[in-house]
Protein backbone atom coordinates (compact mmCIF):
# COMPACT_ATOMS: atom_id res chain seq x y z
CA UNK A 1 -16.70 -21.92 12.86
CA UNK A 2 -13.29 -22.74 14.57
CA UNK A 3 -11.75 -20.76 17.43
CA UNK A 4 -9.22 -19.01 15.07
CA UNK A 5 -12.15 -18.08 12.55
CA UNK A 6 -14.31 -16.60 15.78
CA UNK A 7 -11.23 -14.53 16.79
CA UNK A 8 -10.62 -13.25 13.33
CA UNK A 9 -14.15 -12.30 12.83
CA UNK A 10 -14.34 -10.48 16.11
CA UNK A 11 -10.94 -8.58 15.29
CA UNK A 12 -12.36 -7.50 11.96
CA UNK A 13 -15.71 -6.28 13.43
CA UNK A 14 -13.87 -4.64 16.26
CA UNK A 15 -11.54 -2.61 13.67
CA UNK A 16 -14.51 -1.97 11.43
CA UNK A 17 -16.79 -0.52 14.09
CA UNK A 18 -13.94 1.48 15.71
CA UNK A 19 -13.12 3.25 12.46
CA UNK A 20 -16.74 3.48 11.38
CA UNK A 21 -17.63 5.32 14.59
CA UNK A 22 -14.52 7.54 14.88
CA UNK A 23 -14.60 9.20 11.48
CA UNK A 24 -17.66 11.45 12.12
CA UNK A 25 -16.07 12.97 15.30
CA UNK A 26 -12.72 13.42 13.34
CA UNK A 27 -14.80 15.10 10.66
CA UNK A 28 -16.48 17.26 13.02
CA UNK A 29 -13.26 18.27 15.01
CA UNK A 30 -11.33 18.88 11.64
CA UNK A 31 -13.99 21.39 10.55
CA UNK A 32 -14.24 22.86 14.00
CA UNK A 33 -10.60 23.61 14.08
CA UNK A 34 -10.11 24.28 10.49
CA UNK A 35 -7.76 21.29 9.92
CA UNK A 36 -8.65 20.96 6.16
CA UNK A 37 -6.83 20.27 2.95
CA UNK A 38 -7.19 23.07 0.47
CA UNK A 39 -7.53 22.16 -3.29
CA UNK A 40 -4.69 23.09 -5.58
CA UNK A 41 -3.63 22.46 -9.13
CA UNK A 42 -2.51 18.83 -8.50
CA UNK A 43 -5.60 17.64 -6.33
CA UNK A 44 -8.91 16.28 -7.80
CA UNK A 45 -10.96 17.41 -4.95
CA UNK A 46 -12.68 20.82 -5.17
CA UNK A 47 -13.64 21.53 -1.65
CA UNK A 48 -11.91 21.80 1.82
CA UNK A 49 -11.76 18.33 3.26
CA UNK A 50 -10.13 16.77 6.38
CA UNK A 51 -7.07 14.69 5.74
CA UNK A 52 -7.18 12.91 8.98
CA UNK A 53 -8.91 9.54 8.12
CA UNK A 54 -5.90 7.60 9.02
CA UNK A 55 -6.51 8.33 12.70
CA UNK A 56 -9.74 6.22 12.34
CA UNK A 57 -7.87 3.48 10.53
CA UNK A 58 -4.94 3.40 13.04
CA UNK A 59 -7.38 3.34 15.89
CA UNK A 60 -9.46 0.54 14.70
CA UNK A 61 -6.35 -1.51 13.43
CA UNK A 62 -4.18 -0.87 16.76
CA UNK A 63 -7.14 -1.56 19.30
CA UNK A 64 -8.38 -4.91 17.49
CA UNK A 65 -4.84 -6.27 17.07
CA UNK A 66 -3.75 -5.57 20.68
CA UNK A 67 -7.17 -7.24 21.80
CA UNK A 68 -7.27 -10.26 19.64
CA UNK A 69 -3.84 -11.12 18.67
CA UNK A 70 -0.70 -12.51 20.20
CA UNK A 71 2.02 -9.81 20.02
CA UNK A 72 4.70 -12.24 19.23
CA UNK A 73 6.81 -13.03 16.01
CA UNK A 74 7.51 -9.50 15.18
CA UNK A 75 4.09 -7.95 15.72
CA UNK A 76 5.04 -5.88 18.68
CA UNK A 77 7.74 -4.20 16.89
CA UNK A 78 5.54 -3.85 13.71
CA UNK A 79 3.18 -1.88 16.05
CA UNK A 80 6.11 0.27 17.36
CA UNK A 81 7.02 0.93 13.68
CA UNK A 82 3.24 1.98 12.96
CA UNK A 83 3.20 4.20 15.88
CA UNK A 84 6.31 6.11 14.63
CA UNK A 85 4.88 6.60 11.15
CA UNK A 86 1.47 7.62 12.65
CA UNK A 87 2.99 10.64 14.30
CA UNK A 88 5.10 11.37 11.25
CA UNK A 89 1.92 11.33 9.06
CA UNK A 90 -0.12 13.24 11.52
CA UNK A 91 2.44 16.08 11.69
CA UNK A 92 2.46 16.06 8.04
CA UNK A 93 -1.40 16.18 7.68
CA UNK A 94 -1.65 19.08 10.13
CA UNK A 95 1.39 21.38 9.37
CA UNK A 96 3.42 19.65 6.45
CA UNK A 97 6.78 18.45 7.06
CA UNK A 98 9.86 17.89 4.59
CA UNK A 99 10.64 14.91 2.68
CA UNK A 100 13.79 14.28 4.78
CA UNK A 101 11.82 14.31 8.05
CA UNK A 102 9.35 11.86 6.51
CA UNK A 103 12.39 9.68 5.47
CA UNK A 104 13.95 9.71 8.82
CA UNK A 105 10.75 8.43 10.33
CA UNK A 106 10.65 5.77 7.79
CA UNK A 107 14.23 4.79 8.73
CA UNK A 108 13.44 4.62 12.31
CA UNK A 109 10.36 2.49 11.85
CA UNK A 110 12.19 0.26 9.39
CA UNK A 111 15.01 -0.31 11.70
CA UNK A 112 12.56 -1.24 14.52
CA UNK A 113 11.23 -4.17 12.56
CA UNK A 114 14.49 -4.99 10.67
CA UNK A 115 16.93 -5.03 13.70
CA UNK A 116 14.50 -5.77 16.58
CA UNK A 117 12.39 -8.35 15.03
CA UNK A 118 14.65 -9.64 12.33
CA UNK A 119 11.82 -8.94 9.67
CA UNK A 120 13.91 -9.01 6.44
CA UNK A 121 14.44 -10.66 3.12
CA UNK A 122 17.09 -13.27 3.25
CA UNK A 123 17.11 -14.86 -0.12
CA UNK A 124 16.51 -13.73 -3.89
CA UNK A 125 15.29 -17.28 -4.27
CA UNK A 126 17.13 -17.85 -7.41
CA UNK A 127 16.51 -14.41 -9.16
CA UNK A 128 19.73 -13.65 -11.31
CA UNK A 129 21.11 -16.81 -9.85
CA UNK A 130 21.03 -15.43 -6.38
CA UNK A 131 19.95 -17.37 -3.39
CA UNK A 132 20.90 -16.70 0.24
CA UNK A 133 21.93 -13.02 0.73
CA UNK A 134 24.84 -11.82 2.80
CA UNK A 135 23.56 -10.17 5.97
CA UNK A 136 24.66 -6.76 4.95
CA UNK A 137 23.06 -6.95 1.55
CA UNK A 138 19.96 -8.57 3.37
CA UNK A 139 19.48 -5.40 5.51
CA UNK A 140 20.21 -2.89 2.75
CA UNK A 141 17.58 -4.50 0.27
CA UNK A 142 15.05 -4.96 2.89
CA UNK A 143 15.39 -1.27 3.79
CA UNK A 144 15.04 -0.19 0.08
CA UNK A 145 11.88 -2.62 -0.11
CA UNK A 146 10.03 -1.50 2.98
CA UNK A 147 10.74 2.33 2.26
CA UNK A 148 9.78 1.71 -1.44
CA UNK A 149 6.57 0.04 -0.73
CA UNK A 150 5.38 2.37 2.08
CA UNK A 151 6.00 5.35 -0.45
CA UNK A 152 4.34 3.56 -3.18
CA UNK A 153 1.07 3.34 -1.25
CA UNK A 154 1.57 6.94 -0.06
CA UNK A 155 1.77 7.95 -3.65
CA UNK A 156 -1.27 6.51 -4.85
CA UNK A 157 -3.70 8.04 -2.42
CA UNK A 158 -4.87 10.63 -4.97
CA UNK A 159 -8.69 9.72 -5.54
CA UNK A 160 -11.63 8.93 -3.32
CA UNK A 161 -11.24 5.30 -2.18
CA UNK A 162 -8.23 4.38 -4.33
CA UNK A 163 -5.55 3.69 -1.78
CA UNK A 164 -7.92 1.97 0.61
CA UNK A 165 -9.28 -0.25 -2.21
CA UNK A 166 -5.93 -1.32 -3.34
CA UNK A 167 -4.47 -1.93 0.12
CA UNK A 168 -7.65 -4.12 0.84
CA UNK A 169 -6.91 -6.30 -2.27
CA UNK A 170 -3.27 -6.68 -1.51
CA UNK A 171 -3.51 -7.47 2.33
CA UNK A 172 -6.73 -9.85 1.73
CA UNK A 173 -4.51 -11.64 -0.75
CA UNK A 174 -1.45 -12.07 1.69
CA UNK A 175 -3.97 -12.79 4.49
CA UNK A 176 -5.47 -15.71 2.58
CA UNK A 177 -2.25 -17.36 2.02
CA UNK A 178 -0.84 -16.95 5.60
CA UNK A 179 -4.12 -18.45 6.95
CA UNK A 180 -4.10 -21.28 4.28
CA UNK A 181 -0.34 -22.03 4.28
CA UNK A 182 1.46 -20.21 7.01
CA UNK A 183 0.70 -22.27 9.93
CA UNK A 184 1.04 -21.09 13.37
CA UNK A 185 4.17 -19.14 12.79
CA UNK A 186 2.25 -16.84 10.42
CA UNK A 187 -1.22 -16.74 12.38
CA UNK A 188 -0.54 -13.22 13.83
CA UNK A 189 0.10 -11.90 10.32
CA UNK A 190 -3.39 -13.08 9.47
CA UNK A 191 -4.67 -10.86 12.36
CA UNK A 192 -2.66 -7.87 11.02
CA UNK A 193 -4.32 -8.27 7.51
CA UNK A 194 -7.83 -8.78 8.94
CA UNK A 195 -7.55 -5.84 11.55
CA UNK A 196 -6.14 -3.58 8.61
CA UNK A 197 -8.93 -4.60 6.38
CA UNK A 198 -11.51 -3.76 8.97
CA UNK A 199 -10.23 -0.53 9.76
CA UNK A 200 -9.91 0.54 6.01
CA UNK A 201 -13.54 -0.69 5.33
CA UNK A 202 -14.95 1.41 8.15
CA UNK A 203 -13.04 4.38 6.91
CA UNK A 204 -14.09 3.74 3.09
CA UNK A 205 -17.73 4.28 4.25
CA UNK A 206 -16.80 8.08 4.14
CA UNK A 207 -13.99 8.09 1.51
CA UNK A 208 -15.91 7.03 -1.53
CA UNK A 209 -16.81 9.73 -3.94
CA UNK A 210 -17.69 12.12 -2.83
CA UNK A 211 -15.20 11.87 0.12
CA UNK A 212 -15.87 13.67 3.18
CA UNK A 213 -12.53 12.78 4.77
CA UNK A 214 -9.11 11.76 3.22
CA UNK A 215 -6.91 9.08 4.43
CA UNK A 216 -3.97 11.36 4.55
CA UNK A 217 -0.35 10.66 5.06
CA UNK A 218 -1.43 9.43 8.64
CA UNK A 219 -3.08 6.50 7.11
CA UNK A 220 -1.17 6.01 3.83
CA UNK A 221 2.23 5.68 5.57
CA UNK A 222 0.97 3.19 8.17
CA UNK A 223 -0.95 1.14 5.57
CA UNK A 224 2.22 1.24 3.32
CA UNK A 225 4.50 0.24 6.10
CA UNK A 226 2.26 -2.70 7.15
CA UNK A 227 1.83 -3.96 3.47
CA UNK A 228 5.70 -3.92 3.12
CA UNK A 229 6.20 -6.12 6.28
CA UNK A 230 3.45 -8.46 5.09
CA UNK A 231 5.21 -8.60 1.52
CA UNK A 232 8.45 -9.57 3.23
CA UNK A 233 6.77 -12.23 5.32
CA UNK A 234 4.92 -13.62 2.25
CA UNK A 235 8.20 -13.87 0.34
CA UNK A 236 10.00 -15.52 2.94
CA UNK A 237 7.14 -18.02 3.47
CA UNK A 238 8.00 -19.23 0.03
CA UNK A 239 11.23 -20.64 1.45
CA UNK A 240 9.35 -23.15 3.69
CA UNK A 241 8.50 -26.57 2.18
CA UNK A 242 4.91 -27.04 0.67
CA UNK A 243 4.38 -23.39 0.03
CA UNK A 244 2.25 -23.03 -3.26
CA UNK A 245 4.66 -20.66 -5.09
CA UNK A 246 7.95 -22.08 -3.56
CA UNK A 247 10.83 -19.87 -5.24
CA UNK A 248 8.33 -18.05 -7.29
CA UNK A 249 7.22 -15.89 -4.27
CA UNK A 250 9.15 -12.77 -5.11
CA UNK A 251 7.70 -12.25 -8.39
CA UNK A 252 4.25 -13.34 -7.27
CA UNK A 253 4.61 -10.60 -4.46
CA UNK A 254 5.54 -8.12 -7.09
CA UNK A 255 2.27 -8.97 -8.97
CA UNK A 256 0.25 -8.54 -6.00
CA UNK A 257 1.58 -5.16 -5.60
CA UNK A 258 1.56 -4.31 -9.25
CA UNK A 259 -0.65 -1.19 -9.30
CA UNK A 260 1.44 0.87 -6.52
CA UNK A 261 4.79 -0.42 -7.79
CA UNK A 262 4.09 0.37 -11.44
CA UNK A 263 2.58 3.68 -10.71
CA UNK A 264 5.64 4.67 -8.46
CA UNK A 265 8.27 3.54 -10.78
CA UNK A 266 6.61 5.02 -13.81
CA UNK A 267 6.40 8.53 -12.57
CA UNK A 268 9.84 8.49 -10.87
CA UNK A 269 11.35 7.53 -14.20
CA UNK A 270 9.41 10.17 -16.18
CA UNK A 271 10.46 12.85 -13.65
CA UNK A 272 14.09 11.83 -13.88
CA UNK A 273 13.88 11.77 -17.73
CA UNK A 274 12.65 15.37 -17.51
CA UNK A 275 15.55 16.34 -15.14
CA UNK A 276 13.34 16.70 -12.28
CA UNK A 277 13.53 15.32 -8.70
CA UNK A 278 11.58 11.89 -8.50
CA UNK A 279 9.75 13.47 -5.39
CA UNK A 280 8.56 16.36 -7.39
CA UNK A 281 4.78 16.37 -7.60
CA UNK A 282 2.91 16.40 -10.83
CA UNK A 283 -0.19 14.98 -12.46
CA UNK A 284 1.48 11.88 -14.29
CA UNK A 285 0.19 9.06 -11.86
CA UNK A 286 -1.87 6.40 -13.33
CA UNK A 287 -5.14 7.79 -11.95
CA UNK A 288 -4.59 11.13 -13.48
CA UNK A 289 -4.06 9.57 -16.79
CA UNK A 290 -7.35 7.51 -16.52
CA UNK A 291 -9.21 10.36 -15.30
CA UNK A 292 -7.99 12.27 -18.50
CA UNK A 293 -9.48 9.53 -20.51
CA UNK A 294 -12.66 10.71 -19.41
CA UNK A 295 -13.47 8.28 -16.48
CA UNK A 296 -14.99 9.63 -13.27
CA UNK A 297 -13.33 8.97 -10.13
CA UNK A 298 -15.34 5.80 -9.00
CA UNK A 299 -14.75 4.54 -12.62
CA UNK A 300 -11.05 5.23 -12.30
CA UNK A 301 -10.78 3.33 -9.02
CA UNK A 302 -12.70 0.54 -10.33
CA UNK A 303 -10.40 0.24 -13.28
CA UNK A 304 -7.28 0.26 -11.28
CA UNK A 305 -8.61 -2.17 -8.63
CA UNK A 306 -9.65 -4.61 -11.48
CA UNK A 307 -6.09 -4.37 -13.23
CA UNK A 308 -4.60 -5.11 -9.88
CA UNK A 309 -6.96 -8.17 -9.54
CA UNK A 310 -6.24 -9.33 -12.98
CA UNK A 311 -2.41 -9.31 -12.57
CA UNK A 312 -2.81 -11.13 -9.15
CA UNK A 313 -4.86 -13.73 -10.83
CA UNK A 314 -2.14 -13.98 -13.72
CA UNK A 315 0.86 -14.54 -11.25
CA UNK A 316 -0.89 -16.97 -9.19
CA UNK A 317 -2.11 -19.26 -11.87
CA UNK A 318 1.21 -18.91 -13.86
CA UNK A 319 3.60 -19.10 -10.90
CA UNK A 320 5.04 -22.20 -12.15
CA UNK A 321 6.67 -20.20 -14.88
CA UNK A 322 9.32 -18.97 -12.29
CA UNK A 323 10.59 -15.56 -11.11
CA UNK A 324 12.53 -14.76 -14.48
CA UNK A 325 9.58 -15.43 -16.83
CA UNK A 326 6.99 -13.65 -14.48
CA UNK A 327 9.17 -10.78 -13.91
CA UNK A 328 9.92 -10.38 -17.69
CA UNK A 329 6.11 -10.64 -18.41
CA UNK A 330 5.29 -8.11 -15.75
CA UNK A 331 8.05 -5.71 -17.14
CA UNK A 332 6.76 -6.20 -20.69
CA UNK A 333 3.14 -5.43 -19.62
CA UNK A 334 4.31 -2.41 -17.79
CA UNK A 335 6.08 -1.06 -20.82
CA UNK A 336 3.13 -1.59 -23.15
CA UNK A 337 0.81 0.18 -20.69
CA UNK A 338 3.28 3.09 -20.28
CA UNK A 339 3.35 3.36 -24.10
CA UNK A 340 -0.40 3.28 -24.22
CA UNK A 341 -0.77 6.02 -21.65
CA UNK A 342 1.94 8.21 -23.19
CA UNK A 343 0.31 7.79 -26.95
CA UNK A 344 -3.17 8.75 -25.48
CA UNK A 345 -1.66 11.51 -23.58
CA UNK A 346 -0.04 12.90 -26.82
CA UNK A 347 -2.86 12.56 -28.81
CA UNK A 348 -5.25 14.38 -26.20
CA UNK A 349 -2.80 17.19 -26.07
CA UNK A 350 -2.81 17.60 -29.93
CA UNK A 351 -6.64 17.65 -30.07
CA UNK A 352 -6.72 20.20 -27.29
CA UNK A 353 -4.17 22.39 -29.20
CA UNK A 354 -6.24 22.10 -32.46
CA UNK A 355 -9.24 22.84 -30.63
CA UNK A 356 -7.74 26.03 -29.15
């Protein structure tokens, strides 16, 4: 094994072990201090459960990255943004904060990586005939992307093991292409991917059904923020000569993020069509609809994980179609899936009405 491989293995192992051994202590303290999530009409769990699993993920990720990785090429700013969102999420898990306060925290974290590290999308790479972006539009679009992806990961955290499993699928895909095609300038982001995977896998030991702890906003906001930055770096890597996806990188990235993006856009559109705020909670998420079909929690997580993997395999193998065709196919597939979920829900409601 080469030196980079040894370092990556050690960083993964460190993050994994820190998270693995931190979780039991967090569970103990949460129960001792009554810092527990109470079940309600929107939640799936039925017992009081701690929501502070993100503390263990963050501890494993942060300690491994600072020990084994070079904090250059934007990594230092990424960590600073993670710290901001860690405390925003921690406060929300403990006492609940408003959507506006969460947004301000995301604005600050995004500003750190965009302005201080110049992490931003500089080109549409031919989508709608647009290539290089004016700097103002570049910053504005990057902000929308980071906040959108961060909240998309936050919103899918509704079942035992779901958010963690989806994030592992996404970051492992990005990490593979960073180490294979990124070269030295992207090696630090390989460490970001590996350290986050280690922290999440250590946490998932206690989060799969039946979960003894949840990721909470502490974990989902940090994970979403990291995924958003990795997505931007992946897309920007497509501008370099010799990359496997070249100008198709934006649509390939959308495919890699399919489940969280599709779920978020779908519930937002449904809520607005009903005249409600897109941020108003309900039980219209993908995992709610699949549970309603009769699947158990583990089965639902497996279905959504396989769905994301299948879409990833598709966009990777058909990247030569270009952005326009790939995006059109993803949109078409999303519409068909939405229609299927809607029809099934209507039939289930009709059967329930007749039975009653």
